[in-house]
Amino acid sequence: MAVGVNTEGQREVLGLKVGASEAEPFWTEFLRSLNRRGLRGVKLVISDSHEGIKAAAAKTLKATWQRCRVHFMRKALAYANKTQRRMVSAAIGTVFVQETTGAARTQWRSVADQFREKLPKLSAMMDAAEHDVLAFMGFPRAHWPQIYSTNPLERLNAEIKRRTNVVGIFPNDASITRLVGAMMLEQNDEWSLNRRSIQLEGLQALSDTVPTRLSAVAR
C-alpha cells in the first residue's frame, strides 16, 4: 500500500499491490507501476526499516528516505529491560523537541553516548540510524508532525486487517484487490473532503512538478 500527499496538501491513496513477499523486486515493481501511472516529484519516502522498501525507493524514486520514528522507538526499547524503558524513551524523546536539525543531531549523539556503557547495542543502533530517523528535519518545520512516521498508513492497514479477517480466506489475489481496492476508493473520497493533511506552507517550495492526481487504485 502506498499513500501520499499531493501539492495541495491533501492525502491520497496512490496504489496497492498483492505479493508473496516484501523483497526488493516486489517493491521495485510496485513503485515502478506508480511511476508508469504518472507519479512524479516525490521528495520523501517514509517507511519502517525494511531493506526491500529502502532499496526499491532509492532505485526508482530518487527521494530522501525517512525511517519511521515510531518503529525506531519500538526497536530501541527492545534493547532495554522493563525498568530501563521509560528512561530510554524519555532520553531519546529529548532529541525530537529540539528546534533545529543541528541541535537535534547534537542531542542524538549525546544520548547515544549516555547509553554506550550500559546499552552498547542501543548506542550502536542509534549511531547507524541517526541520518534516517532525523531526515524529516530537512523539510519545512510545519510539516514535521505529519512526516516523521507512518502512523496514517498504520491506521489504514489496521482497518484493512479488520475487514479482511472477517473474510478469512480469499480464493485469489484479484478478490483481495477488489475488497481492499473498494475500501481505498472510499478512503480516498473521504480524504478529498477533509481538511489538508499538510499545511501549504513550504509545499510550493518543494514542488518542481505539475500537480498530478493518480486514480486511487490501478486498473
N, C-alpha and C. Protein backbone atom coordinates (compact mmCIF):
# COMPACT_ATOMS: atom_id res chain seq x y z
N MET A 1 0.84 -1.18 0.00
CA MET A 1 0.00 0.00 0.00
C MET A 1 0.88 1.24 0.00
N ALA A 2 0.52 2.23 -0.81
CA ALA A 2 1.24 3.50 -0.82
C ALA A 2 0.25 4.64 -0.69
N VAL A 3 0.55 5.55 0.23
CA VAL A 3 -0.26 6.74 0.45
C VAL A 3 0.65 7.94 0.31
N GLY A 4 0.16 9.01 -0.29
CA GLY A 4 0.97 10.20 -0.47
C GLY A 4 0.19 11.46 -0.15
N VAL A 5 0.91 12.58 -0.16
CA VAL A 5 0.29 13.89 0.00
C VAL A 5 0.62 14.69 -1.25
N ASN A 6 -0.42 15.23 -1.91
CA ASN A 6 -0.19 15.94 -3.16
C ASN A 6 0.22 17.39 -2.93
N THR A 7 0.40 18.13 -4.00
CA THR A 7 0.89 19.51 -3.91
C THR A 7 -0.13 20.46 -3.29
N GLU A 8 -1.35 19.98 -3.10
CA GLU A 8 -2.38 20.79 -2.44
C GLU A 8 -2.48 20.45 -0.95
N GLY A 9 -1.62 19.56 -0.49
CA GLY A 9 -1.63 19.19 0.92
C GLY A 9 -2.64 18.13 1.27
N GLN A 10 -3.30 17.53 0.28
CA GLN A 10 -4.32 16.52 0.52
C GLN A 10 -3.72 15.12 0.45
N ARG A 11 -4.13 14.26 1.35
CA ARG A 11 -3.66 12.88 1.35
C ARG A 11 -4.41 12.08 0.28
N GLU A 12 -3.68 11.19 -0.39
CA GLU A 12 -4.28 10.34 -1.42
C GLU A 12 -3.77 8.91 -1.30
N VAL A 13 -4.61 7.95 -1.66
CA VAL A 13 -4.16 6.57 -1.84
C VAL A 13 -3.53 6.50 -3.22
N LEU A 14 -2.27 6.12 -3.29
CA LEU A 14 -1.57 6.07 -4.57
C LEU A 14 -1.73 4.72 -5.27
N GLY A 15 -1.79 3.65 -4.50
CA GLY A 15 -1.95 2.35 -5.13
C GLY A 15 -1.79 1.21 -4.15
N LEU A 16 -2.12 0.03 -4.61
CA LEU A 16 -1.95 -1.17 -3.79
C LEU A 16 -1.55 -2.33 -4.69
N LYS A 17 -0.88 -3.29 -4.10
CA LYS A 17 -0.46 -4.47 -4.85
C LYS A 17 -0.36 -5.65 -3.90
N VAL A 18 -0.76 -6.81 -4.38
CA VAL A 18 -0.68 -8.04 -3.59
C VAL A 18 0.56 -8.80 -4.04
N GLY A 19 1.36 -9.26 -3.07
CA GLY A 19 2.56 -10.00 -3.41
C GLY A 19 2.86 -11.08 -2.40
N ALA A 20 3.73 -12.01 -2.80
CA ALA A 20 4.05 -13.15 -1.94
C ALA A 20 5.09 -12.80 -0.89
N SER A 21 5.85 -11.71 -1.10
CA SER A 21 6.87 -11.33 -0.14
C SER A 21 7.12 -9.83 -0.24
N GLU A 22 7.91 -9.31 0.70
CA GLU A 22 8.25 -7.89 0.68
C GLU A 22 9.70 -7.67 0.27
N ALA A 23 10.19 -8.55 -0.58
CA ALA A 23 11.57 -8.44 -1.06
C ALA A 23 11.69 -7.26 -2.02
N GLU A 24 12.92 -6.86 -2.29
CA GLU A 24 13.18 -5.69 -3.14
C GLU A 24 12.50 -5.77 -4.51
N PRO A 25 12.54 -6.93 -5.22
CA PRO A 25 11.89 -6.98 -6.55
C PRO A 25 10.41 -6.63 -6.51
N PHE A 26 9.71 -7.09 -5.47
CA PHE A 26 8.28 -6.77 -5.34
C PHE A 26 8.07 -5.27 -5.22
N TRP A 27 8.81 -4.64 -4.29
CA TRP A 27 8.64 -3.20 -4.07
C TRP A 27 9.09 -2.39 -5.27
N THR A 28 10.13 -2.84 -5.95
CA THR A 28 10.60 -2.13 -7.14
C THR A 28 9.53 -2.11 -8.21
N GLU A 29 8.92 -3.25 -8.47
CA GLU A 29 7.86 -3.31 -9.48
C GLU A 29 6.66 -2.48 -9.07
N PHE A 30 6.31 -2.52 -7.79
CA PHE A 30 5.17 -1.73 -7.31
C PHE A 30 5.42 -0.23 -7.51
N LEU A 31 6.58 0.24 -7.11
CA LEU A 31 6.89 1.66 -7.25
C LEU A 31 7.01 2.07 -8.71
N ARG A 32 7.55 1.19 -9.53
CA ARG A 32 7.62 1.49 -10.96
C ARG A 32 6.23 1.58 -11.57
N SER A 33 5.31 0.77 -11.06
CA SER A 33 3.93 0.84 -11.57
C SER A 33 3.30 2.19 -11.24
N LEU A 34 3.65 2.76 -10.08
CA LEU A 34 3.16 4.10 -9.74
C LEU A 34 3.77 5.14 -10.66
N ASN A 35 5.06 4.99 -10.98
CA ASN A 35 5.70 5.91 -11.91
C ASN A 35 5.05 5.84 -13.29
N ARG A 36 4.74 4.64 -13.73
CA ARG A 36 4.11 4.49 -15.05
C ARG A 36 2.75 5.15 -15.09
N ARG A 37 2.07 5.20 -13.95
CA ARG A 37 0.75 5.83 -13.88
C ARG A 37 0.83 7.34 -13.67
N GLY A 38 2.04 7.87 -13.57
CA GLY A 38 2.18 9.33 -13.52
C GLY A 38 2.73 9.91 -12.25
N LEU A 39 3.15 9.08 -11.30
CA LEU A 39 3.70 9.62 -10.05
C LEU A 39 5.02 10.34 -10.34
N ARG A 40 5.13 11.60 -9.93
CA ARG A 40 6.31 12.40 -10.18
C ARG A 40 6.60 13.28 -8.96
N GLY A 41 7.84 13.72 -8.86
CA GLY A 41 8.20 14.73 -7.88
C GLY A 41 8.19 14.28 -6.44
N VAL A 42 8.39 12.99 -6.19
CA VAL A 42 8.40 12.50 -4.80
C VAL A 42 9.63 13.05 -4.10
N LYS A 43 9.44 13.66 -2.94
CA LYS A 43 10.54 14.26 -2.20
C LYS A 43 10.96 13.43 -0.99
N LEU A 44 10.01 12.72 -0.39
CA LEU A 44 10.29 11.99 0.84
C LEU A 44 9.51 10.68 0.84
N VAL A 45 10.20 9.60 1.17
CA VAL A 45 9.56 8.28 1.32
C VAL A 45 9.68 7.89 2.79
N ILE A 46 8.57 7.56 3.42
CA ILE A 46 8.55 7.21 4.84
C ILE A 46 8.12 5.76 4.96
N SER A 47 8.92 4.97 5.67
CA SER A 47 8.56 3.57 5.87
C SER A 47 9.29 3.06 7.10
N ASP A 48 9.00 1.80 7.46
CA ASP A 48 9.80 1.18 8.51
C ASP A 48 11.15 0.79 7.91
N SER A 49 12.04 0.29 8.75
CA SER A 49 13.39 -0.02 8.27
C SER A 49 13.41 -1.38 7.58
N HIS A 50 12.80 -1.42 6.42
CA HIS A 50 12.74 -2.65 5.64
C HIS A 50 13.67 -2.49 4.44
N GLU A 51 14.68 -3.34 4.34
CA GLU A 51 15.70 -3.17 3.31
C GLU A 51 15.11 -3.24 1.91
N GLY A 52 14.07 -4.05 1.71
CA GLY A 52 13.46 -4.16 0.39
C GLY A 52 12.84 -2.85 -0.06
N ILE A 53 12.07 -2.22 0.83
CA ILE A 53 11.45 -0.94 0.50
C ILE A 53 12.51 0.12 0.29
N LYS A 54 13.47 0.16 1.19
CA LYS A 54 14.51 1.19 1.14
C LYS A 54 15.29 1.12 -0.17
N ALA A 55 15.69 -0.07 -0.56
CA ALA A 55 16.46 -0.23 -1.79
C ALA A 55 15.62 0.11 -3.02
N ALA A 56 14.37 -0.32 -3.02
CA ALA A 56 13.49 -0.04 -4.16
C ALA A 56 13.20 1.44 -4.30
N ALA A 57 12.99 2.12 -3.18
CA ALA A 57 12.72 3.56 -3.22
C ALA A 57 13.93 4.33 -3.74
N ALA A 58 15.12 3.93 -3.31
CA ALA A 58 16.34 4.60 -3.77
C ALA A 58 16.52 4.41 -5.27
N LYS A 59 16.15 3.24 -5.76
CA LYS A 59 16.34 2.92 -7.17
C LYS A 59 15.32 3.61 -8.07
N THR A 60 14.07 3.69 -7.63
CA THR A 60 13.01 4.15 -8.52
C THR A 60 12.53 5.57 -8.28
N LEU A 61 12.64 6.08 -7.05
CA LEU A 61 12.07 7.39 -6.74
C LEU A 61 13.11 8.48 -6.54
N LYS A 62 14.35 8.10 -6.22
CA LYS A 62 15.44 9.07 -6.01
C LYS A 62 15.06 10.13 -4.99
N ALA A 63 14.39 9.72 -3.93
CA ALA A 63 13.91 10.66 -2.91
C ALA A 63 14.60 10.41 -1.59
N THR A 64 14.53 11.37 -0.68
CA THR A 64 15.02 11.19 0.68
C THR A 64 14.21 10.10 1.36
N TRP A 65 14.87 9.26 2.15
CA TRP A 65 14.16 8.22 2.89
C TRP A 65 14.11 8.57 4.37
N GLN A 66 12.92 8.47 4.94
CA GLN A 66 12.70 8.72 6.35
C GLN A 66 12.34 7.41 7.04
N ARG A 67 13.13 7.03 8.04
CA ARG A 67 12.80 5.85 8.84
C ARG A 67 11.73 6.23 9.84
N CYS A 68 10.64 5.49 9.86
CA CYS A 68 9.54 5.79 10.76
C CYS A 68 10.03 5.89 12.21
N ARG A 69 9.78 7.02 12.83
CA ARG A 69 10.24 7.25 14.21
C ARG A 69 9.58 6.30 15.19
N VAL A 70 8.32 5.99 14.98
CA VAL A 70 7.59 5.10 15.89
C VAL A 70 8.18 3.69 15.84
N HIS A 71 8.45 3.18 14.63
CA HIS A 71 9.07 1.86 14.50
C HIS A 71 10.46 1.86 15.12
N PHE A 72 11.20 2.95 14.92
CA PHE A 72 12.53 3.03 15.50
C PHE A 72 12.48 2.96 17.03
N MET A 73 11.53 3.67 17.63
CA MET A 73 11.42 3.68 19.08
C MET A 73 11.08 2.29 19.62
N ARG A 74 10.24 1.57 18.92
CA ARG A 74 9.90 0.21 19.35
C ARG A 74 11.15 -0.67 19.37
N LYS A 75 11.95 -0.55 18.33
CA LYS A 75 13.16 -1.35 18.27
C LYS A 75 14.15 -0.91 19.34
N ALA A 76 14.26 0.40 19.57
CA ALA A 76 15.18 0.92 20.59
C ALA A 76 14.81 0.39 21.97
N LEU A 77 13.52 0.38 22.28
CA LEU A 77 13.08 -0.08 23.60
C LEU A 77 13.30 -1.57 23.79
N ALA A 78 13.40 -2.31 22.68
CA ALA A 78 13.65 -3.75 22.77
C ALA A 78 15.05 -4.05 23.30
N TYR A 79 15.94 -3.06 23.23
CA TYR A 79 17.30 -3.24 23.73
C TYR A 79 17.40 -2.95 25.24
N ALA A 80 16.31 -2.47 25.82
CA ALA A 80 16.32 -2.14 27.25
C ALA A 80 15.41 -3.10 28.01
N ASN A 81 15.70 -3.29 29.30
CA ASN A 81 14.80 -4.11 30.10
C ASN A 81 13.63 -3.26 30.59
N LYS A 82 12.68 -3.88 31.25
CA LYS A 82 11.45 -3.18 31.63
C LYS A 82 11.72 -1.96 32.51
N THR A 83 12.68 -2.04 33.39
CA THR A 83 12.95 -0.92 34.28
C THR A 83 13.68 0.23 33.57
N GLN A 84 14.28 -0.07 32.43
CA GLN A 84 15.05 0.96 31.71
C GLN A 84 14.23 1.66 30.62
N ARG A 85 13.13 1.08 30.23
CA ARG A 85 12.43 1.55 29.03
C ARG A 85 11.90 2.97 29.16
N ARG A 86 11.36 3.32 30.32
CA ARG A 86 10.85 4.69 30.49
C ARG A 86 11.98 5.70 30.36
N MET A 87 13.12 5.38 30.95
CA MET A 87 14.27 6.27 30.88
C MET A 87 14.78 6.40 29.45
N VAL A 88 14.86 5.28 28.73
CA VAL A 88 15.33 5.30 27.35
C VAL A 88 14.39 6.12 26.47
N SER A 89 13.10 5.91 26.64
CA SER A 89 12.11 6.65 25.86
C SER A 89 12.20 8.15 26.12
N ALA A 90 12.35 8.53 27.37
CA ALA A 90 12.44 9.95 27.72
C ALA A 90 13.72 10.57 27.17
N ALA A 91 14.82 9.84 27.24
CA ALA A 91 16.10 10.36 26.76
C ALA A 91 16.07 10.59 25.25
N ILE A 92 15.60 9.59 24.52
CA ILE A 92 15.54 9.75 23.05
C ILE A 92 14.52 10.81 22.68
N GLY A 93 13.46 10.92 23.47
CA GLY A 93 12.44 11.93 23.21
C GLY A 93 12.98 13.36 23.25
N THR A 94 14.06 13.59 24.00
CA THR A 94 14.62 14.94 24.07
C THR A 94 15.19 15.38 22.73
N VAL A 95 15.51 14.43 21.88
CA VAL A 95 16.03 14.78 20.55
C VAL A 95 14.96 15.49 19.73
N PHE A 96 13.74 14.99 19.83
CA PHE A 96 12.69 15.44 18.92
C PHE A 96 12.02 16.75 19.34
N VAL A 97 12.40 17.30 20.47
CA VAL A 97 11.86 18.60 20.87
C VAL A 97 12.84 19.72 20.55
N GLN A 98 13.97 19.40 19.94
CA GLN A 98 14.94 20.42 19.57
C GLN A 98 14.37 21.28 18.44
N GLU A 99 14.78 22.53 18.42
CA GLU A 99 14.24 23.49 17.46
C GLU A 99 14.89 23.41 16.08
N THR A 100 16.11 22.92 16.00
CA THR A 100 16.82 22.88 14.73
C THR A 100 17.41 21.50 14.48
N THR A 101 17.72 21.25 13.22
CA THR A 101 18.34 19.98 12.86
C THR A 101 19.69 19.81 13.56
N GLY A 102 20.47 20.89 13.57
CA GLY A 102 21.79 20.82 14.21
C GLY A 102 21.69 20.47 15.68
N ALA A 103 20.76 21.11 16.38
CA ALA A 103 20.59 20.83 17.80
C ALA A 103 20.11 19.41 18.02
N ALA A 104 19.24 18.92 17.14
CA ALA A 104 18.73 17.56 17.27
C ALA A 104 19.85 16.53 17.06
N ARG A 105 20.71 16.77 16.10
CA ARG A 105 21.81 15.84 15.84
C ARG A 105 22.81 15.84 17.01
N THR A 106 23.07 17.01 17.57
CA THR A 106 23.96 17.09 18.72
C THR A 106 23.38 16.33 19.90
N GLN A 107 22.07 16.51 20.13
CA GLN A 107 21.41 15.83 21.24
C GLN A 107 21.35 14.33 21.00
N TRP A 108 21.13 13.93 19.76
CA TRP A 108 21.09 12.50 19.39
C TRP A 108 22.40 11.82 19.79
N ARG A 109 23.50 12.44 19.42
CA ARG A 109 24.82 11.85 19.71
C ARG A 109 25.11 11.84 21.21
N SER A 110 24.63 12.87 21.90
CA SER A 110 24.81 12.93 23.35
C SER A 110 24.07 11.78 24.03
N VAL A 111 22.82 11.54 23.59
CA VAL A 111 22.02 10.46 24.15
C VAL A 111 22.66 9.11 23.84
N ALA A 112 23.12 8.93 22.61
CA ALA A 112 23.78 7.68 22.24
C ALA A 112 25.00 7.43 23.12
N ASP A 113 25.74 8.47 23.41
CA ASP A 113 26.93 8.33 24.27
C ASP A 113 26.54 7.96 25.70
N GLN A 114 25.40 8.46 26.17
CA GLN A 114 24.93 8.13 27.53
C GLN A 114 24.68 6.63 27.68
N PHE A 115 24.25 6.00 26.61
CA PHE A 115 23.90 4.57 26.65
C PHE A 115 25.08 3.66 26.33
N ARG A 116 26.20 4.23 25.94
CA ARG A 116 27.27 3.43 25.36
C ARG A 116 27.83 2.36 26.31
N GLU A 117 27.86 2.67 27.60
CA GLU A 117 28.41 1.71 28.55
C GLU A 117 27.42 0.63 28.93
N LYS A 118 26.19 1.03 29.28
CA LYS A 118 25.22 0.06 29.78
C LYS A 118 24.38 -0.60 28.68
N LEU A 119 24.18 0.14 27.57
CA LEU A 119 23.36 -0.40 26.48
C LEU A 119 24.09 -0.21 25.15
N PRO A 120 25.20 -0.89 24.98
CA PRO A 120 26.03 -0.68 23.78
C PRO A 120 25.32 -0.99 22.47
N LYS A 121 24.44 -1.98 22.47
CA LYS A 121 23.72 -2.31 21.23
C LYS A 121 22.78 -1.19 20.83
N LEU A 122 22.15 -0.56 21.82
CA LEU A 122 21.27 0.57 21.54
C LEU A 122 22.08 1.74 20.98
N SER A 123 23.23 2.01 21.59
CA SER A 123 24.09 3.08 21.09
C SER A 123 24.51 2.83 19.65
N ALA A 124 24.88 1.60 19.36
CA ALA A 124 25.30 1.25 18.00
C ALA A 124 24.15 1.45 17.01
N MET A 125 22.93 1.07 17.41
CA MET A 125 21.78 1.25 16.54
C MET A 125 21.52 2.73 16.30
N MET A 126 21.66 3.54 17.35
CA MET A 126 21.46 4.98 17.20
C MET A 126 22.51 5.59 16.27
N ASP A 127 23.74 5.13 16.40
CA ASP A 127 24.81 5.62 15.51
C ASP A 127 24.45 5.37 14.05
N ALA A 128 23.92 4.18 13.78
CA ALA A 128 23.61 3.80 12.40
C ALA A 128 22.34 4.48 11.88
N ALA A 129 21.41 4.80 12.78
CA ALA A 129 20.09 5.27 12.36
C ALA A 129 19.93 6.79 12.36
N GLU A 130 20.91 7.51 12.86
CA GLU A 130 20.76 8.96 13.04
C GLU A 130 20.24 9.68 11.79
N HIS A 131 20.92 9.50 10.68
CA HIS A 131 20.55 10.23 9.46
C HIS A 131 19.13 9.90 9.02
N ASP A 132 18.77 8.61 9.06
CA ASP A 132 17.46 8.18 8.55
C ASP A 132 16.31 8.59 9.45
N VAL A 133 16.51 8.55 10.77
CA VAL A 133 15.42 8.90 11.69
C VAL A 133 15.20 10.41 11.72
N LEU A 134 16.24 11.20 11.48
CA LEU A 134 16.12 12.66 11.54
C LEU A 134 15.98 13.29 10.16
N ALA A 135 15.78 12.48 9.13
CA ALA A 135 15.67 13.01 7.76
C ALA A 135 14.52 14.02 7.63
N PHE A 136 13.43 13.81 8.37
CA PHE A 136 12.27 14.69 8.27
C PHE A 136 12.60 16.13 8.62
N MET A 137 13.67 16.35 9.40
CA MET A 137 14.02 17.70 9.82
C MET A 137 14.63 18.54 8.70
N GLY A 138 14.89 17.90 7.56
CA GLY A 138 15.36 18.65 6.40
C GLY A 138 14.23 19.27 5.60
N PHE A 139 13.00 19.11 6.08
CA PHE A 139 11.81 19.63 5.40
C PHE A 139 11.19 20.74 6.25
N PRO A 140 10.24 21.51 5.70
CA PRO A 140 9.65 22.61 6.47
C PRO A 140 9.16 22.18 7.85
N ARG A 141 9.46 22.99 8.85
CA ARG A 141 9.13 22.63 10.23
C ARG A 141 7.64 22.40 10.43
N ALA A 142 6.83 23.14 9.69
CA ALA A 142 5.37 23.00 9.82
C ALA A 142 4.90 21.59 9.46
N HIS A 143 5.72 20.87 8.68
CA HIS A 143 5.33 19.53 8.23
C HIS A 143 5.81 18.41 9.15
N TRP A 144 6.71 18.72 10.06
CA TRP A 144 7.35 17.68 10.86
C TRP A 144 6.37 16.71 11.53
N PRO A 145 5.31 17.19 12.18
CA PRO A 145 4.42 16.23 12.88
C PRO A 145 3.77 15.20 11.96
N GLN A 146 3.64 15.54 10.67
CA GLN A 146 2.98 14.63 9.73
C GLN A 146 3.95 13.71 8.99
N ILE A 147 5.26 13.99 9.03
CA ILE A 147 6.16 13.23 8.16
C ILE A 147 7.22 12.43 8.91
N TYR A 148 7.16 12.39 10.24
CA TYR A 148 8.21 11.63 10.94
C TYR A 148 7.85 10.16 11.12
N SER A 149 6.63 9.76 10.79
CA SER A 149 6.24 8.37 10.99
C SER A 149 5.24 7.92 9.93
N THR A 150 4.94 6.63 9.94
CA THR A 150 3.94 6.07 9.02
C THR A 150 2.59 5.90 9.70
N ASN A 151 2.33 6.63 10.77
CA ASN A 151 1.09 6.44 11.54
C ASN A 151 -0.19 6.49 10.70
N PRO A 152 -0.34 7.45 9.76
CA PRO A 152 -1.57 7.46 8.95
C PRO A 152 -1.76 6.15 8.18
N LEU A 153 -0.67 5.61 7.66
CA LEU A 153 -0.75 4.35 6.91
C LEU A 153 -1.01 3.17 7.84
N GLU A 154 -0.46 3.23 9.05
CA GLU A 154 -0.69 2.14 10.01
C GLU A 154 -2.17 2.06 10.38
N ARG A 155 -2.82 3.21 10.54
CA ARG A 155 -4.26 3.21 10.85
C ARG A 155 -5.06 2.61 9.70
N LEU A 156 -4.64 2.93 8.49
CA LEU A 156 -5.31 2.38 7.31
C LEU A 156 -5.10 0.87 7.24
N ASN A 157 -3.89 0.41 7.51
CA ASN A 157 -3.60 -1.03 7.49
C ASN A 157 -4.39 -1.78 8.55
N ALA A 158 -4.59 -1.13 9.70
CA ALA A 158 -5.36 -1.77 10.78
C ALA A 158 -6.81 -2.00 10.34
N GLU A 159 -7.38 -1.04 9.61
CA GLU A 159 -8.75 -1.19 9.13
C GLU A 159 -8.82 -2.27 8.05
N ILE A 160 -7.81 -2.33 7.19
CA ILE A 160 -7.76 -3.39 6.17
C ILE A 160 -7.71 -4.76 6.84
N LYS A 161 -6.86 -4.88 7.86
CA LYS A 161 -6.74 -6.16 8.57
C LYS A 161 -8.06 -6.55 9.21
N ARG A 162 -8.75 -5.57 9.80
CA ARG A 162 -10.03 -5.86 10.45
C ARG A 162 -11.04 -6.40 9.44
N ARG A 163 -11.10 -5.77 8.27
CA ARG A 163 -12.08 -6.17 7.26
C ARG A 163 -11.70 -7.50 6.60
N THR A 164 -10.44 -7.71 6.34
CA THR A 164 -10.03 -8.96 5.68
C THR A 164 -10.10 -10.15 6.62
N ASN A 165 -9.92 -9.92 7.91
CA ASN A 165 -10.03 -11.01 8.87
C ASN A 165 -11.44 -11.59 8.91
N VAL A 166 -12.43 -10.75 8.60
CA VAL A 166 -13.82 -11.22 8.57
C VAL A 166 -14.00 -12.25 7.45
N VAL A 167 -13.34 -11.98 6.33
CA VAL A 167 -13.44 -12.89 5.18
C VAL A 167 -12.66 -14.18 5.45
N GLY A 168 -11.47 -14.02 6.00
CA GLY A 168 -10.67 -15.20 6.35
C GLY A 168 -9.79 -15.66 5.21
N ILE A 169 -10.36 -16.38 4.27
CA ILE A 169 -9.58 -16.93 3.15
C ILE A 169 -10.13 -16.37 1.84
N PHE A 170 -9.22 -15.83 1.02
CA PHE A 170 -9.59 -15.30 -0.29
C PHE A 170 -9.24 -16.33 -1.36
N PRO A 171 -10.09 -16.49 -2.36
CA PRO A 171 -9.82 -17.51 -3.39
C PRO A 171 -8.64 -17.16 -4.29
N ASN A 172 -8.35 -15.86 -4.48
CA ASN A 172 -7.24 -15.45 -5.34
C ASN A 172 -6.86 -14.00 -5.05
N ASP A 173 -5.78 -13.55 -5.68
CA ASP A 173 -5.30 -12.19 -5.45
C ASP A 173 -6.32 -11.14 -5.91
N ALA A 174 -7.01 -11.43 -7.00
CA ALA A 174 -7.97 -10.47 -7.54
C ALA A 174 -9.08 -10.16 -6.53
N SER A 175 -9.48 -11.16 -5.77
CA SER A 175 -10.55 -10.95 -4.79
C SER A 175 -10.08 -10.04 -3.66
N ILE A 176 -8.79 -10.16 -3.30
CA ILE A 176 -8.22 -9.26 -2.29
C ILE A 176 -8.22 -7.83 -2.82
N THR A 177 -7.79 -7.67 -4.06
CA THR A 177 -7.72 -6.34 -4.66
C THR A 177 -9.11 -5.70 -4.77
N ARG A 178 -10.11 -6.51 -5.08
CA ARG A 178 -11.47 -5.97 -5.19
C ARG A 178 -11.95 -5.42 -3.85
N LEU A 179 -11.78 -6.20 -2.78
CA LEU A 179 -12.25 -5.76 -1.47
C LEU A 179 -11.45 -4.57 -0.96
N VAL A 180 -10.13 -4.73 -0.93
CA VAL A 180 -9.29 -3.67 -0.38
C VAL A 180 -9.33 -2.44 -1.28
N GLY A 181 -9.38 -2.67 -2.60
CA GLY A 181 -9.47 -1.54 -3.53
C GLY A 181 -10.72 -0.72 -3.31
N ALA A 182 -11.86 -1.39 -3.07
CA ALA A 182 -13.10 -0.66 -2.79
C ALA A 182 -12.98 0.16 -1.51
N MET A 183 -12.34 -0.42 -0.50
CA MET A 183 -12.11 0.31 0.75
C MET A 183 -11.26 1.54 0.51
N MET A 184 -10.21 1.39 -0.31
CA MET A 184 -9.29 2.50 -0.55
C MET A 184 -9.95 3.61 -1.38
N LEU A 185 -10.82 3.24 -2.30
CA LEU A 185 -11.56 4.26 -3.05
C LEU A 185 -12.44 5.09 -2.12
N GLU A 186 -13.09 4.41 -1.17
CA GLU A 186 -13.91 5.12 -0.19
C GLU A 186 -13.05 6.04 0.67
N GLN A 187 -11.89 5.52 1.08
CA GLN A 187 -11.00 6.32 1.91
C GLN A 187 -10.47 7.52 1.15
N ASN A 188 -10.15 7.32 -0.12
CA ASN A 188 -9.64 8.42 -0.93
C ASN A 188 -10.68 9.52 -1.07
N ASP A 189 -11.93 9.12 -1.28
CA ASP A 189 -13.02 10.10 -1.39
C ASP A 189 -13.18 10.87 -0.08
N GLU A 190 -13.07 10.16 1.03
CA GLU A 190 -13.20 10.81 2.34
C GLU A 190 -12.08 11.83 2.55
N TRP A 191 -10.86 11.44 2.21
CA TRP A 191 -9.73 12.36 2.36
C TRP A 191 -9.90 13.61 1.50
N SER A 192 -10.48 13.45 0.32
CA SER A 192 -10.63 14.59 -0.59
C SER A 192 -11.57 15.64 -0.03
N LEU A 193 -12.43 15.23 0.91
CA LEU A 193 -13.40 16.16 1.51
C LEU A 193 -12.89 16.75 2.83
N ASN A 194 -11.83 16.16 3.37
CA ASN A 194 -11.31 16.61 4.66
C ASN A 194 -10.37 17.79 4.49
N ARG A 195 -10.01 18.39 5.62
CA ARG A 195 -9.03 19.47 5.58
C ARG A 195 -7.68 18.93 5.15
N ARG A 196 -6.80 19.82 4.79
CA ARG A 196 -5.48 19.40 4.31
C ARG A 196 -4.74 18.60 5.37
N SER A 197 -4.02 17.58 4.92
CA SER A 197 -3.20 16.78 5.82
C SER A 197 -1.92 17.50 6.18
N ILE A 198 -1.41 18.28 5.23
CA ILE A 198 -0.17 19.03 5.44
C ILE A 198 -0.41 20.48 5.04
N GLN A 199 0.09 21.41 5.83
CA GLN A 199 -0.07 22.82 5.54
C GLN A 199 0.57 23.18 4.21
N LEU A 200 -0.04 24.15 3.52
CA LEU A 200 0.52 24.58 2.24
C LEU A 200 1.85 25.29 2.42
N GLU A 201 2.09 25.82 3.60
CA GLU A 201 3.35 26.49 3.88
C GLU A 201 4.52 25.57 3.58
N GLY A 202 5.35 25.96 2.64
CA GLY A 202 6.53 25.17 2.29
C GLY A 202 6.32 24.18 1.17
N LEU A 203 5.06 23.83 0.84
CA LEU A 203 4.83 22.84 -0.20
C LEU A 203 5.24 23.34 -1.58
N GLN A 204 4.94 24.60 -1.89
CA GLN A 204 5.27 25.13 -3.20
C GLN A 204 6.77 25.15 -3.42
N ALA A 205 7.51 25.42 -2.35
CA ALA A 205 8.97 25.45 -2.46
C ALA A 205 9.52 24.06 -2.76
N LEU A 206 8.83 23.02 -2.29
CA LEU A 206 9.28 21.65 -2.51
C LEU A 206 8.90 21.13 -3.87
N SER A 207 7.82 21.68 -4.44
CA SER A 207 7.27 21.14 -5.67
C SER A 207 8.03 21.64 -6.90
N ASP A 208 8.43 20.72 -7.77
CA ASP A 208 9.05 21.09 -9.03
C ASP A 208 8.36 20.40 -10.20
N THR A 209 7.14 19.94 -9.94
CA THR A 209 6.38 19.24 -10.98
C THR A 209 4.99 19.83 -11.09
N VAL A 210 4.36 19.58 -12.24
CA VAL A 210 2.96 19.96 -12.41
C VAL A 210 2.12 19.05 -11.54
N PRO A 211 1.13 19.60 -10.77
CA PRO A 211 0.32 18.75 -9.91
C PRO A 211 -0.30 17.59 -10.68
N THR A 212 -0.20 16.40 -10.13
CA THR A 212 -0.71 15.19 -10.78
C THR A 212 -1.57 14.40 -9.80
N ARG A 213 -2.71 13.92 -10.25
CA ARG A 213 -3.55 13.07 -9.41
C ARG A 213 -3.59 11.68 -10.01
N LEU A 214 -3.30 10.69 -9.22
CA LEU A 214 -3.41 9.30 -9.65
C LEU A 214 -4.77 8.77 -9.23
N SER A 215 -5.35 7.91 -10.07
CA SER A 215 -6.55 7.22 -9.60
C SER A 215 -6.16 6.38 -8.41
N ALA A 216 -7.08 6.22 -7.46
CA ALA A 216 -6.71 5.61 -6.18
C ALA A 216 -6.23 4.17 -6.31
N VAL A 217 -6.76 3.43 -7.28
CA VAL A 217 -6.37 2.03 -7.43
C VAL A 217 -6.04 1.78 -8.90
N ALA A 218 -4.91 1.18 -9.15
CA ALA A 218 -4.52 0.88 -10.53
C ALA A 218 -5.47 -0.12 -11.14
N ARG A 219 -5.79 0.10 -12.39
CA ARG A 219 -6.70 -0.85 -13.07
C ARG A 219 -5.97 -1.53 -14.23
